[in-house]
Amino acid sequence: MCPPARCLADILASIEEHEASPVTRYQLVLHAVCRAIDDGLEAGFRSASGDPDQLAAFIELPTGQVSWPIPQHVHEFDGHAVRHHDRIHAFQRQVVGDEPSS
């Protein structure tokens, strides 16, 4: 297992290597944000440049802020806030074939 800062540095290098592959780059950016949070760095998502329709992932590195645009989800919010656990449990039953554990 690599030291935390080294793992994050490796992920960030991979993002640069995969600039031409949007899906892989997006997955690596999400992974980098999670790794940064685990490492105690400030990281998260917010609108970029004041445009509420353009989200970006941000990481506050000791050497300065880095960010990447994040694609919007293609479907609008369907009002699921109250029912999302039911949907998760239904998905679990579909995949696992039995009742989910509590």
N, C-alpha and C. Protein backbone atom coordinates (compact mmCIF):
# COMPACT_ATOMS: atom_id res chain seq x y z
N MET A 1 0.85 -1.18 0.00
CA MET A 1 0.00 0.00 0.00
C MET A 1 0.89 1.24 0.00
N CYS A 2 0.55 2.20 -0.83
CA CYS A 2 1.38 3.40 -0.92
C CYS A 2 0.97 4.43 0.14
N PRO A 3 1.91 5.32 0.51
CA PRO A 3 1.55 6.40 1.45
C PRO A 3 0.44 7.26 0.84
N PRO A 4 -0.46 7.82 1.67
CA PRO A 4 -1.62 8.56 1.16
C PRO A 4 -1.28 9.62 0.13
N ALA A 5 -0.33 10.49 0.41
CA ALA A 5 -0.01 11.56 -0.54
C ALA A 5 0.48 10.98 -1.87
N ARG A 6 1.22 9.88 -1.81
CA ARG A 6 1.73 9.24 -3.03
C ARG A 6 0.57 8.66 -3.85
N CYS A 7 -0.39 8.04 -3.17
CA CYS A 7 -1.56 7.48 -3.88
C CYS A 7 -2.31 8.59 -4.61
N LEU A 8 -2.55 9.70 -3.94
CA LEU A 8 -3.24 10.82 -4.57
C LEU A 8 -2.43 11.36 -5.74
N ALA A 9 -1.12 11.50 -5.57
CA ALA A 9 -0.27 11.99 -6.66
C ALA A 9 -0.34 11.06 -7.87
N ASP A 10 -0.39 9.76 -7.63
CA ASP A 10 -0.49 8.79 -8.73
C ASP A 10 -1.84 8.92 -9.45
N ILE A 11 -2.91 9.10 -8.69
CA ILE A 11 -4.24 9.27 -9.30
C ILE A 11 -4.27 10.54 -10.15
N LEU A 12 -3.71 11.62 -9.61
CA LEU A 12 -3.69 12.89 -10.35
C LEU A 12 -2.88 12.76 -11.64
N ALA A 13 -1.79 12.02 -11.60
CA ALA A 13 -1.00 11.79 -12.81
C ALA A 13 -1.81 10.98 -13.83
N SER A 14 -2.58 10.04 -13.35
CA SER A 14 -3.42 9.23 -14.24
C SER A 14 -4.50 10.08 -14.91
N ILE A 15 -5.03 11.07 -14.19
CA ILE A 15 -6.03 11.95 -14.79
C ILE A 15 -5.43 12.64 -16.01
N GLU A 16 -4.23 13.16 -15.85
CA GLU A 16 -3.56 13.84 -16.96
C GLU A 16 -3.32 12.88 -18.13
N GLU A 17 -2.94 11.65 -17.82
CA GLU A 17 -2.69 10.66 -18.87
C GLU A 17 -3.95 10.29 -19.65
N HIS A 18 -5.11 10.46 -19.04
CA HIS A 18 -6.37 10.04 -19.67
C HIS A 18 -7.23 11.22 -20.11
N GLU A 19 -6.62 12.34 -20.41
CA GLU A 19 -7.37 13.53 -20.86
C GLU A 19 -8.25 13.23 -22.08
N ALA A 20 -7.81 12.35 -22.96
CA ALA A 20 -8.56 12.05 -24.19
C ALA A 20 -9.68 11.05 -23.97
N SER A 21 -9.80 10.49 -22.78
CA SER A 21 -10.84 9.51 -22.48
C SER A 21 -11.75 10.06 -21.39
N PRO A 22 -12.83 10.76 -21.77
CA PRO A 22 -13.67 11.43 -20.79
C PRO A 22 -14.22 10.53 -19.69
N VAL A 23 -14.64 9.32 -20.01
CA VAL A 23 -15.22 8.44 -19.00
C VAL A 23 -14.16 8.03 -17.98
N THR A 24 -12.99 7.63 -18.46
CA THR A 24 -11.91 7.24 -17.55
C THR A 24 -11.45 8.43 -16.73
N ARG A 25 -11.31 9.58 -17.36
CA ARG A 25 -10.89 10.79 -16.64
C ARG A 25 -11.89 11.13 -15.54
N TYR A 26 -13.18 11.07 -15.84
CA TYR A 26 -14.23 11.38 -14.87
C TYR A 26 -14.14 10.41 -13.68
N GLN A 27 -13.96 9.12 -13.96
CA GLN A 27 -13.83 8.13 -12.88
C GLN A 27 -12.61 8.43 -12.01
N LEU A 28 -11.51 8.79 -12.64
CA LEU A 28 -10.30 9.11 -11.89
C LEU A 28 -10.47 10.39 -11.06
N VAL A 29 -11.17 11.38 -11.59
CA VAL A 29 -11.42 12.62 -10.83
C VAL A 29 -12.24 12.30 -9.59
N LEU A 30 -13.28 11.49 -9.73
CA LEU A 30 -14.09 11.11 -8.56
C LEU A 30 -13.24 10.36 -7.54
N HIS A 31 -12.40 9.47 -8.03
CA HIS A 31 -11.49 8.73 -7.15
C HIS A 31 -10.53 9.69 -6.44
N ALA A 32 -10.00 10.66 -7.16
CA ALA A 32 -9.07 11.63 -6.57
C ALA A 32 -9.76 12.45 -5.48
N VAL A 33 -11.00 12.87 -5.71
CA VAL A 33 -11.73 13.63 -4.69
C VAL A 33 -11.90 12.79 -3.42
N CYS A 34 -12.30 11.54 -3.59
CA CYS A 34 -12.46 10.66 -2.43
C CYS A 34 -11.14 10.45 -1.70
N ARG A 35 -10.06 10.22 -2.45
CA ARG A 35 -8.74 10.01 -1.86
C ARG A 35 -8.29 11.27 -1.12
N ALA A 36 -8.52 12.43 -1.72
CA ALA A 36 -8.12 13.69 -1.08
C ALA A 36 -8.86 13.88 0.25
N ILE A 37 -10.15 13.60 0.26
CA ILE A 37 -10.94 13.72 1.50
C ILE A 37 -10.40 12.74 2.54
N ASP A 38 -10.13 11.50 2.12
CA ASP A 38 -9.55 10.52 3.04
C ASP A 38 -8.22 10.99 3.60
N ASP A 39 -7.45 11.73 2.79
CA ASP A 39 -6.14 12.23 3.21
C ASP A 39 -6.24 13.52 4.03
N GLY A 40 -7.46 13.99 4.28
CA GLY A 40 -7.64 15.19 5.09
C GLY A 40 -7.56 16.50 4.33
N LEU A 41 -7.59 16.44 3.01
CA LEU A 41 -7.58 17.66 2.21
C LEU A 41 -9.01 18.13 1.97
N GLU A 42 -9.17 19.42 1.75
CA GLU A 42 -10.48 19.94 1.39
C GLU A 42 -10.74 19.61 -0.07
N ALA A 43 -11.90 19.03 -0.33
CA ALA A 43 -12.26 18.65 -1.69
C ALA A 43 -13.77 18.54 -1.77
N GLY A 44 -14.32 18.73 -2.97
CA GLY A 44 -15.75 18.61 -3.16
C GLY A 44 -16.18 19.15 -4.50
N PHE A 45 -17.46 19.45 -4.61
CA PHE A 45 -18.06 19.88 -5.87
C PHE A 45 -18.79 21.19 -5.68
N ARG A 46 -18.71 22.05 -6.67
CA ARG A 46 -19.44 23.32 -6.64
C ARG A 46 -19.52 23.87 -8.05
N SER A 47 -20.32 24.90 -8.22
CA SER A 47 -20.41 25.49 -9.55
C SER A 47 -19.08 26.15 -9.90
N ALA A 48 -18.75 26.08 -11.16
CA ALA A 48 -17.48 26.65 -11.62
C ALA A 48 -17.72 28.02 -12.22
N SER A 49 -16.88 28.94 -11.92
CA SER A 49 -16.92 30.29 -12.50
C SER A 49 -18.27 30.96 -12.33
N GLY A 50 -18.99 30.64 -11.27
CA GLY A 50 -20.27 31.28 -11.01
C GLY A 50 -21.42 30.80 -11.88
N ASP A 51 -21.18 29.83 -12.75
CA ASP A 51 -22.23 29.30 -13.63
C ASP A 51 -22.89 28.10 -12.94
N PRO A 52 -24.14 28.23 -12.47
CA PRO A 52 -24.77 27.13 -11.74
C PRO A 52 -25.00 25.88 -12.58
N ASP A 53 -24.92 26.00 -13.90
CA ASP A 53 -25.11 24.83 -14.76
C ASP A 53 -23.81 24.08 -15.03
N GLN A 54 -22.68 24.62 -14.60
CA GLN A 54 -21.40 23.95 -14.82
C GLN A 54 -20.77 23.60 -13.48
N LEU A 55 -20.78 22.31 -13.16
CA LEU A 55 -20.18 21.86 -11.91
C LEU A 55 -18.74 21.46 -12.15
N ALA A 56 -17.97 21.52 -11.08
CA ALA A 56 -16.57 21.09 -11.14
C ALA A 56 -16.21 20.40 -9.84
N ALA A 57 -15.24 19.50 -9.94
CA ALA A 57 -14.66 18.86 -8.76
C ALA A 57 -13.42 19.66 -8.39
N PHE A 58 -13.28 19.97 -7.11
CA PHE A 58 -12.16 20.78 -6.62
C PHE A 58 -11.39 20.01 -5.56
N ILE A 59 -10.08 20.16 -5.59
CA ILE A 59 -9.21 19.64 -4.54
C ILE A 59 -8.24 20.77 -4.16
N GLU A 60 -8.13 21.01 -2.86
CA GLU A 60 -7.18 22.00 -2.35
C GLU A 60 -5.89 21.27 -1.98
N LEU A 61 -4.95 21.22 -2.92
CA LEU A 61 -3.65 20.61 -2.67
C LEU A 61 -2.78 21.57 -1.86
N PRO A 62 -1.76 21.08 -1.18
CA PRO A 62 -0.84 21.99 -0.49
C PRO A 62 -0.15 22.95 -1.47
N THR A 63 -0.11 22.58 -2.74
CA THR A 63 0.53 23.41 -3.76
C THR A 63 -0.45 24.32 -4.49
N GLY A 64 -1.74 24.26 -4.14
CA GLY A 64 -2.76 25.10 -4.76
C GLY A 64 -3.97 24.30 -5.21
N GLN A 65 -5.00 25.01 -5.58
CA GLN A 65 -6.27 24.41 -5.98
C GLN A 65 -6.19 23.82 -7.39
N VAL A 66 -6.83 22.65 -7.56
CA VAL A 66 -7.00 22.05 -8.88
C VAL A 66 -8.47 21.73 -9.05
N SER A 67 -8.94 21.72 -10.31
CA SER A 67 -10.35 21.42 -10.55
C SER A 67 -10.54 20.84 -11.94
N TRP A 68 -11.66 20.15 -12.11
CA TRP A 68 -12.03 19.55 -13.39
C TRP A 68 -13.53 19.70 -13.58
N PRO A 69 -13.98 19.98 -14.79
CA PRO A 69 -15.42 20.04 -15.03
C PRO A 69 -16.04 18.66 -14.86
N ILE A 70 -17.24 18.65 -14.34
CA ILE A 70 -17.99 17.41 -14.11
C ILE A 70 -19.24 17.45 -14.98
N PRO A 71 -19.49 16.41 -15.77
CA PRO A 71 -20.69 16.43 -16.61
C PRO A 71 -21.96 16.36 -15.77
N GLN A 72 -22.97 17.06 -16.24
CA GLN A 72 -24.26 17.00 -15.56
C GLN A 72 -24.91 15.66 -15.81
N HIS A 73 -25.70 15.22 -14.84
CA HIS A 73 -26.50 14.01 -14.99
C HIS A 73 -27.55 14.28 -16.06
N VAL A 74 -27.81 13.33 -16.92
CA VAL A 74 -28.70 13.58 -18.07
C VAL A 74 -30.17 13.63 -17.68
N HIS A 75 -30.55 13.04 -16.56
CA HIS A 75 -31.95 13.03 -16.15
C HIS A 75 -32.20 14.07 -15.07
N GLU A 76 -33.34 14.71 -15.12
CA GLU A 76 -33.69 15.67 -14.08
C GLU A 76 -34.10 14.95 -12.81
N PHE A 77 -34.06 15.63 -11.71
CA PHE A 77 -34.47 15.09 -10.41
C PHE A 77 -35.92 14.64 -10.50
N ASP A 78 -36.18 13.42 -10.06
CA ASP A 78 -37.55 12.88 -10.16
C ASP A 78 -38.32 12.93 -8.84
N GLY A 79 -37.82 13.65 -7.86
CA GLY A 79 -38.52 13.80 -6.60
C GLY A 79 -38.40 12.60 -5.69
N HIS A 80 -37.35 11.82 -5.81
CA HIS A 80 -37.21 10.56 -5.09
C HIS A 80 -36.79 10.69 -3.62
N ALA A 81 -36.59 11.84 -3.10
CA ALA A 81 -35.99 12.01 -1.77
C ALA A 81 -36.58 11.10 -0.70
N VAL A 82 -37.89 10.90 -0.69
CA VAL A 82 -38.51 10.08 0.35
C VAL A 82 -38.37 8.59 0.04
N ARG A 83 -38.30 8.23 -1.23
CA ARG A 83 -38.34 6.83 -1.62
C ARG A 83 -36.98 6.23 -1.98
N HIS A 84 -35.90 6.97 -1.83
CA HIS A 84 -34.63 6.45 -2.33
C HIS A 84 -34.19 5.16 -1.63
N HIS A 85 -34.47 4.99 -0.33
CA HIS A 85 -34.10 3.74 0.34
C HIS A 85 -34.88 2.56 -0.23
N ASP A 86 -36.15 2.78 -0.55
CA ASP A 86 -36.95 1.71 -1.16
C ASP A 86 -36.34 1.30 -2.50
N ARG A 87 -35.90 2.27 -3.27
CA ARG A 87 -35.28 1.95 -4.56
C ARG A 87 -33.97 1.19 -4.37
N ILE A 88 -33.21 1.57 -3.38
CA ILE A 88 -31.95 0.88 -3.10
C ILE A 88 -32.24 -0.57 -2.70
N HIS A 89 -33.21 -0.76 -1.81
CA HIS A 89 -33.55 -2.11 -1.37
C HIS A 89 -34.06 -2.96 -2.53
N ALA A 90 -34.87 -2.38 -3.41
CA ALA A 90 -35.35 -3.12 -4.58
C ALA A 90 -34.19 -3.52 -5.48
N PHE A 91 -33.23 -2.62 -5.65
CA PHE A 91 -32.05 -2.93 -6.46
C PHE A 91 -31.25 -4.05 -5.81
N GLN A 92 -31.07 -3.99 -4.49
CA GLN A 92 -30.36 -5.04 -3.79
C GLN A 92 -31.04 -6.39 -3.99
N ARG A 93 -32.37 -6.43 -3.87
CA ARG A 93 -33.10 -7.68 -4.07
C ARG A 93 -32.93 -8.19 -5.50
N GLN A 94 -32.94 -7.27 -6.45
CA GLN A 94 -32.77 -7.65 -7.85
C GLN A 94 -31.38 -8.26 -8.09
N VAL A 95 -30.37 -7.66 -7.49
CA VAL A 95 -29.00 -8.12 -7.71
C VAL A 95 -28.66 -9.35 -6.88
N VAL A 96 -29.03 -9.30 -5.60
CA VAL A 96 -28.65 -10.36 -4.68
C VAL A 96 -29.68 -11.50 -4.68
N GLY A 97 -30.92 -11.15 -4.91
CA GLY A 97 -31.96 -12.17 -4.97
C GLY A 97 -32.62 -12.46 -3.65
N ASP A 98 -32.32 -11.70 -2.60
CA ASP A 98 -33.00 -11.88 -1.33
C ASP A 98 -33.12 -10.56 -0.61
N GLU A 99 -33.64 -10.57 0.57
CA GLU A 99 -33.86 -9.34 1.33
C GLU A 99 -32.52 -8.75 1.76
N PRO A 100 -32.39 -7.42 1.66
CA PRO A 100 -31.14 -6.78 2.11
C PRO A 100 -31.01 -6.86 3.62
N SER A 101 -29.78 -6.84 4.10
CA SER A 101 -29.55 -6.82 5.54
C SER A 101 -29.81 -5.43 6.07
N SER A 102 -30.27 -5.33 7.31
CA SER A 102 -30.58 -4.03 7.92
C SER A 102 -29.37 -3.45 8.57
